[in-house]
PDB file of all heavy atoms in Angstrom:
ATOM      1  N   ASP A   1      -9.818   4.555   8.346  1.00  0.00           N
ATOM      2  CA  ASP A   1      -8.929   5.698   8.542  1.00  0.00           C
ATOM      3  C   ASP A   1      -7.991   5.830   7.343  1.00  0.00           C
ATOM      4  O   ASP A   1      -6.790   5.781   7.445  1.00  0.00           O
ATOM      5  CB  ASP A   1      -8.104   5.523   9.830  1.00  0.00           C
ATOM      6  CG  ASP A   1      -7.279   6.741  10.156  1.00  0.00           C
ATOM      7  OD1 ASP A   1      -7.687   7.824   9.754  1.00  0.00           O
ATOM      8  OD2 ASP A   1      -6.151   6.583  10.811  1.00  0.00           O
ATOM      9  N   THR A   2      -8.607   5.991   6.212  1.00  0.00           N
ATOM     10  CA  THR A   2      -7.822   6.077   4.943  1.00  0.00           C
ATOM     11  C   THR A   2      -8.179   7.372   4.245  1.00  0.00           C
ATOM     12  O   THR A   2      -9.149   8.096   4.565  1.00  0.00           O
ATOM     13  CB  THR A   2      -8.163   4.929   4.036  1.00  0.00           C
ATOM     14  OG1 THR A   2      -9.583   4.969   3.705  1.00  0.00           O
ATOM     15  CG2 THR A   2      -7.843   3.597   4.669  1.00  0.00           C
ATOM     16  N   GLY A   3      -7.401   7.692   3.196  1.00  0.00           N
ATOM     17  CA  GLY A   3      -7.660   8.878   2.420  1.00  0.00           C
ATOM     18  C   GLY A   3      -8.999   8.834   1.724  1.00  0.00           C
ATOM     19  O   GLY A   3      -9.709   9.798   1.651  1.00  0.00           O
ATOM     20  N   THR A   4      -9.361   7.629   1.209  1.00  0.00           N
ATOM     21  CA  THR A   4     -10.629   7.527   0.532  1.00  0.00           C
ATOM     22  C   THR A   4     -11.811   7.689   1.498  1.00  0.00           C
ATOM     23  O   THR A   4     -12.857   8.229   1.098  1.00  0.00           O
ATOM     24  CB  THR A   4     -10.728   6.172  -0.235  1.00  0.00           C
ATOM     25  OG1 THR A   4     -10.355   5.111   0.660  1.00  0.00           O
ATOM     26  CG2 THR A   4      -9.832   6.176  -1.456  1.00  0.00           C
ATOM     27  N   ALA A   5     -11.604   7.222   2.727  1.00  0.00           N
ATOM     28  CA  ALA A   5     -12.682   7.421   3.721  1.00  0.00           C
ATOM     29  C   ALA A   5     -12.882   8.937   3.971  1.00  0.00           C
ATOM     30  O   ALA A   5     -13.999   9.421   4.092  1.00  0.00           O
ATOM     31  CB  ALA A   5     -12.332   6.692   5.041  1.00  0.00           C
ATOM     32  N   GLN A   6     -11.772   9.660   4.042  1.00  0.00           N
ATOM     33  CA  GLN A   6     -11.898  11.108   4.256  1.00  0.00           C
ATOM     34  C   GLN A   6     -12.586  11.773   3.054  1.00  0.00           C
ATOM     35  O   GLN A   6     -13.405  12.677   3.225  1.00  0.00           O
ATOM     36  CB  GLN A   6     -10.490  11.705   4.479  1.00  0.00           C
ATOM     37  CG  GLN A   6      -9.869  11.263   5.817  1.00  0.00           C
ATOM     38  CD  GLN A   6      -8.497  11.856   6.016  1.00  0.00           C
ATOM     39  OE1 GLN A   6      -7.975  12.572   5.146  1.00  0.00           O
ATOM     40  NE2 GLN A   6      -7.931  11.561   7.171  1.00  0.00           N
ATOM     41  N   LEU A   7     -12.231  11.330   1.875  1.00  0.00           N
ATOM     42  CA  LEU A   7     -12.882  11.906   0.683  1.00  0.00           C
ATOM     43  C   LEU A   7     -14.386  11.661   0.697  1.00  0.00           C
ATOM     44  O   LEU A   7     -15.151  12.526   0.291  1.00  0.00           O
ATOM     45  CB  LEU A   7     -12.277  11.274  -0.586  1.00  0.00           C
ATOM     46  CG  LEU A   7     -10.841  11.630  -0.949  1.00  0.00           C
ATOM     47  CD1 LEU A   7     -10.419  10.859  -2.197  1.00  0.00           C
ATOM     48  CD2 LEU A   7     -10.681  13.126  -1.154  1.00  0.00           C
ATOM     49  N   SER A   8     -14.789  10.497   1.207  1.00  0.00           N
ATOM     50  CA  SER A   8     -16.218  10.129   1.189  1.00  0.00           C
ATOM     51  C   SER A   8     -17.054  11.023   2.079  1.00  0.00           C
ATOM     52  O   SER A   8     -18.279  11.074   1.929  1.00  0.00           O
ATOM     53  CB  SER A   8     -16.389   8.668   1.572  1.00  0.00           C
ATOM     54  OG  SER A   8     -16.173   8.511   2.971  1.00  0.00           O
ATOM     55  N   HIS A   9     -16.453  11.730   3.020  1.00  0.00           N
ATOM     56  CA  HIS A   9     -17.164  12.606   3.954  1.00  0.00           C
ATOM     57  C   HIS A   9     -17.301  14.005   3.414  1.00  0.00           C
ATOM     58  O   HIS A   9     -17.969  14.892   4.011  1.00  0.00           O
ATOM     59  CB  HIS A   9     -16.488  12.650   5.324  1.00  0.00           C
ATOM     60  CG  HIS A   9     -16.527  11.334   6.016  1.00  0.00           C
ATOM     61  ND1 HIS A   9     -17.703  10.657   6.337  1.00  0.00           N
ATOM     62  CD2 HIS A   9     -15.543  10.522   6.490  1.00  0.00           C
ATOM     63  CE1 HIS A   9     -17.439   9.532   6.972  1.00  0.00           C
ATOM     64  NE2 HIS A   9     -16.100   9.415   7.047  1.00  0.00           N
ATOM     65  N   MET A  10     -16.686  14.293   2.247  1.00  0.00           N
ATOM     66  CA  MET A  10     -16.738  15.663   1.707  1.00  0.00           C
ATOM     67  C   MET A  10     -18.034  15.815   0.923  1.00  0.00           C
ATOM     68  O   MET A  10     -18.698  14.816   0.539  1.00  0.00           O
ATOM     69  CB  MET A  10     -15.498  15.887   0.836  1.00  0.00           C
ATOM     70  CG  MET A  10     -14.184  15.732   1.529  1.00  0.00           C
ATOM     71  SD  MET A  10     -12.761  16.170   0.559  1.00  0.00           S
ATOM     72  CE  MET A  10     -12.843  17.951   0.658  1.00  0.00           C
ATOM     73  N   LYS A  11     -18.417  17.081   0.717  1.00  0.00           N
ATOM     74  CA  LYS A  11     -19.714  17.349   0.100  1.00  0.00           C
ATOM     75  C   LYS A  11     -19.592  18.527  -0.858  1.00  0.00           C
ATOM     76  O   LYS A  11     -18.567  19.228  -0.938  1.00  0.00           O
ATOM     77  CB  LYS A  11     -20.752  17.664   1.175  1.00  0.00           C
ATOM     78  CG  LYS A  11     -20.416  18.862   2.050  1.00  0.00           C
ATOM     79  CD  LYS A  11     -21.396  18.995   3.206  1.00  0.00           C
ATOM     80  CE  LYS A  11     -21.114  20.275   4.016  1.00  0.00           C
ATOM     81  NZ  LYS A  11     -19.741  20.293   4.600  1.00  0.00           N
ATOM     82  N   ALA A  12     -20.679  18.745  -1.598  1.00  0.00           N
ATOM     83  CA  ALA A  12     -20.725  19.856  -2.541  1.00  0.00           C
ATOM     84  C   ALA A  12     -20.410  21.179  -1.839  1.00  0.00           C
ATOM     85  O   ALA A  12     -20.902  21.441  -0.740  1.00  0.00           O
ATOM     86  CB  ALA A  12     -22.108  19.934  -3.221  1.00  0.00           C
ATOM     87  N   GLY A  13     -19.541  21.980  -2.437  1.00  0.00           N
ATOM     88  CA  GLY A  13     -19.149  23.262  -1.819  1.00  0.00           C
ATOM     89  C   GLY A  13     -17.789  23.158  -1.171  1.00  0.00           C
ATOM     90  O   GLY A  13     -17.111  24.194  -0.991  1.00  0.00           O
ATOM     91  N   ASP A  14     -17.367  21.962  -0.770  1.00  0.00           N
ATOM     92  CA  ASP A  14     -16.013  21.785  -0.256  1.00  0.00           C
ATOM     93  C   ASP A  14     -15.002  21.850  -1.443  1.00  0.00           C
ATOM     94  O   ASP A  14     -15.380  21.825  -2.595  1.00  0.00           O
ATOM     95  CB  ASP A  14     -15.871  20.425   0.430  1.00  0.00           C
ATOM     96  CG  ASP A  14     -16.687  20.333   1.705  1.00  0.00           C
ATOM     97  OD1 ASP A  14     -17.049  21.410   2.256  1.00  0.00           O
ATOM     98  OD2 ASP A  14     -16.957  19.210   2.175  1.00  0.00           O
ATOM     99  N   SER A  15     -13.735  21.939  -1.109  1.00  0.00           N
ATOM    100  CA  SER A  15     -12.707  21.960  -2.131  1.00  0.00           C
ATOM    101  C   SER A  15     -11.585  21.026  -1.749  1.00  0.00           C
ATOM    102  O   SER A  15     -11.366  20.695  -0.562  1.00  0.00           O
ATOM    103  CB  SER A  15     -12.200  23.363  -2.356  1.00  0.00           C
ATOM    104  OG  SER A  15     -11.556  23.865  -1.204  1.00  0.00           O
ATOM    105  N   LEU A  16     -10.818  20.593  -2.741  1.00  0.00           N
ATOM    106  CA  LEU A  16      -9.662  19.753  -2.503  1.00  0.00           C
ATOM    107  C   LEU A  16      -8.619  20.025  -3.599  1.00  0.00           C
ATOM    108  O   LEU A  16      -8.914  20.701  -4.604  1.00  0.00           O
ATOM    109  CB  LEU A  16     -10.042  18.253  -2.453  1.00  0.00           C
ATOM    110  CG  LEU A  16     -11.031  17.693  -3.478  1.00  0.00           C
ATOM    111  CD1 LEU A  16     -10.409  17.609  -4.853  1.00  0.00           C
ATOM    112  CD2 LEU A  16     -11.508  16.313  -3.047  1.00  0.00           C
ATOM    113  N   SER A  17      -7.438  19.451  -3.445  1.00  0.00           N
ATOM    114  CA  SER A  17      -6.375  19.630  -4.405  1.00  0.00           C
ATOM    115  C   SER A  17      -6.240  18.407  -5.261  1.00  0.00           C
ATOM    116  O   SER A  17      -6.307  17.265  -4.770  1.00  0.00           O
ATOM    117  CB  SER A  17      -5.053  19.953  -3.712  1.00  0.00           C
ATOM    118  OG  SER A  17      -5.121  21.197  -3.015  1.00  0.00           O
ATOM    119  N   VAL A  18      -5.976  18.620  -6.535  1.00  0.00           N
ATOM    120  CA  VAL A  18      -5.805  17.494  -7.482  1.00  0.00           C
ATOM    121  C   VAL A  18      -4.661  17.830  -8.480  1.00  0.00           C
ATOM    122  O   VAL A  18      -4.314  18.983  -8.671  1.00  0.00           O
ATOM    123  CB  VAL A  18      -7.107  17.217  -8.286  1.00  0.00           C
ATOM    124  CG1 VAL A  18      -8.266  16.862  -7.373  1.00  0.00           C
ATOM    125  CG2 VAL A  18      -7.467  18.386  -9.208  1.00  0.00           C
ATOM    126  N   ILE A  19      -4.164  16.780  -9.083  1.00  0.00           N
ATOM    127  CA  ILE A  19      -3.258  16.924 -10.217  1.00  0.00           C
ATOM    128  C   ILE A  19      -3.766  16.019 -11.315  1.00  0.00           C
ATOM    129  O   ILE A  19      -4.097  14.855 -11.053  1.00  0.00           O
ATOM    130  CB  ILE A  19      -1.791  16.516  -9.883  1.00  0.00           C
ATOM    131  CG1 ILE A  19      -1.244  17.317  -8.763  1.00  0.00           C
ATOM    132  CG2 ILE A  19      -0.898  16.672 -11.103  1.00  0.00           C
ATOM    133  CD1 ILE A  19       0.132  16.933  -8.308  1.00  0.00           C
ATOM    134  N   GLY A  20      -3.877  16.517 -12.531  1.00  0.00           N
ATOM    135  CA  GLY A  20      -4.333  15.670 -13.604  1.00  0.00           C
ATOM    136  C   GLY A  20      -4.725  16.436 -14.846  1.00  0.00           C
ATOM    137  O   GLY A  20      -4.738  17.664 -14.840  1.00  0.00           O
ATOM    138  N   PRO A  21      -5.086  15.697 -15.883  1.00  0.00           N
ATOM    139  CA  PRO A  21      -5.092  14.251 -15.946  1.00  0.00           C
ATOM    140  C   PRO A  21      -3.708  13.659 -16.073  1.00  0.00           C
ATOM    141  O   PRO A  21      -2.793  14.282 -16.669  1.00  0.00           O
ATOM    142  CB  PRO A  21      -5.943  13.941 -17.198  1.00  0.00           C
ATOM    143  CG  PRO A  21      -5.622  15.152 -18.074  1.00  0.00           C
ATOM    144  CD  PRO A  21      -5.513  16.327 -17.128  1.00  0.00           C
ATOM    145  N   LEU A  22      -3.478  12.478 -15.479  1.00  0.00           N
ATOM    146  CA  LEU A  22      -2.187  11.841 -15.485  1.00  0.00           C
ATOM    147  C   LEU A  22      -2.235  10.478 -16.220  1.00  0.00           C
ATOM    148  O   LEU A  22      -3.283   9.872 -16.342  1.00  0.00           O
ATOM    149  CB  LEU A  22      -1.696  11.647 -14.043  1.00  0.00           C
ATOM    150  CG  LEU A  22      -1.448  12.888 -13.233  1.00  0.00           C
ATOM    151  CD1 LEU A  22      -1.130  12.552 -11.774  1.00  0.00           C
ATOM    152  CD2 LEU A  22      -0.317  13.736 -13.841  1.00  0.00           C
ATOM    153  N   GLY A  23      -1.070  10.002 -16.607  1.00  0.00           N
ATOM    154  CA  GLY A  23      -0.961   8.730 -17.276  1.00  0.00           C
ATOM    155  C   GLY A  23      -1.369   8.792 -18.731  1.00  0.00           C
ATOM    156  O   GLY A  23      -1.675   9.840 -19.301  1.00  0.00           O
ATOM    157  N   ASN A  24      -1.345   7.625 -19.371  1.00  0.00           N
ATOM    158  CA  ASN A  24      -1.721   7.516 -20.758  1.00  0.00           C
ATOM    159  C   ASN A  24      -2.983   6.695 -20.886  1.00  0.00           C
ATOM    160  O   ASN A  24      -3.148   5.654 -20.274  1.00  0.00           O
ATOM    161  CB  ASN A  24      -0.590   6.831 -21.537  1.00  0.00           C
ATOM    162  CG  ASN A  24       0.659   7.701 -21.589  1.00  0.00           C
ATOM    163  OD1 ASN A  24       0.702   8.669 -22.356  1.00  0.00           O
ATOM    164  ND2 ASN A  24       1.677   7.365 -20.791  1.00  0.00           N
ATOM    165  N   GLY A  25      -3.894   7.176 -21.680  1.00  0.00           N
ATOM    166  CA  GLY A  25      -5.200   6.576 -21.765  1.00  0.00           C
ATOM    167  C   GLY A  25      -5.291   5.515 -22.872  1.00  0.00           C
ATOM    168  O   GLY A  25      -4.344   5.165 -23.523  1.00  0.00           O
TER     169      GLY A  25
END
């Protein structure tokens, strides 16, 4: 029951929100 578990159930054609790129490489 975690965020990554929810992400793993998503598929091509779905959408989500992101911020990035973040940090220093």
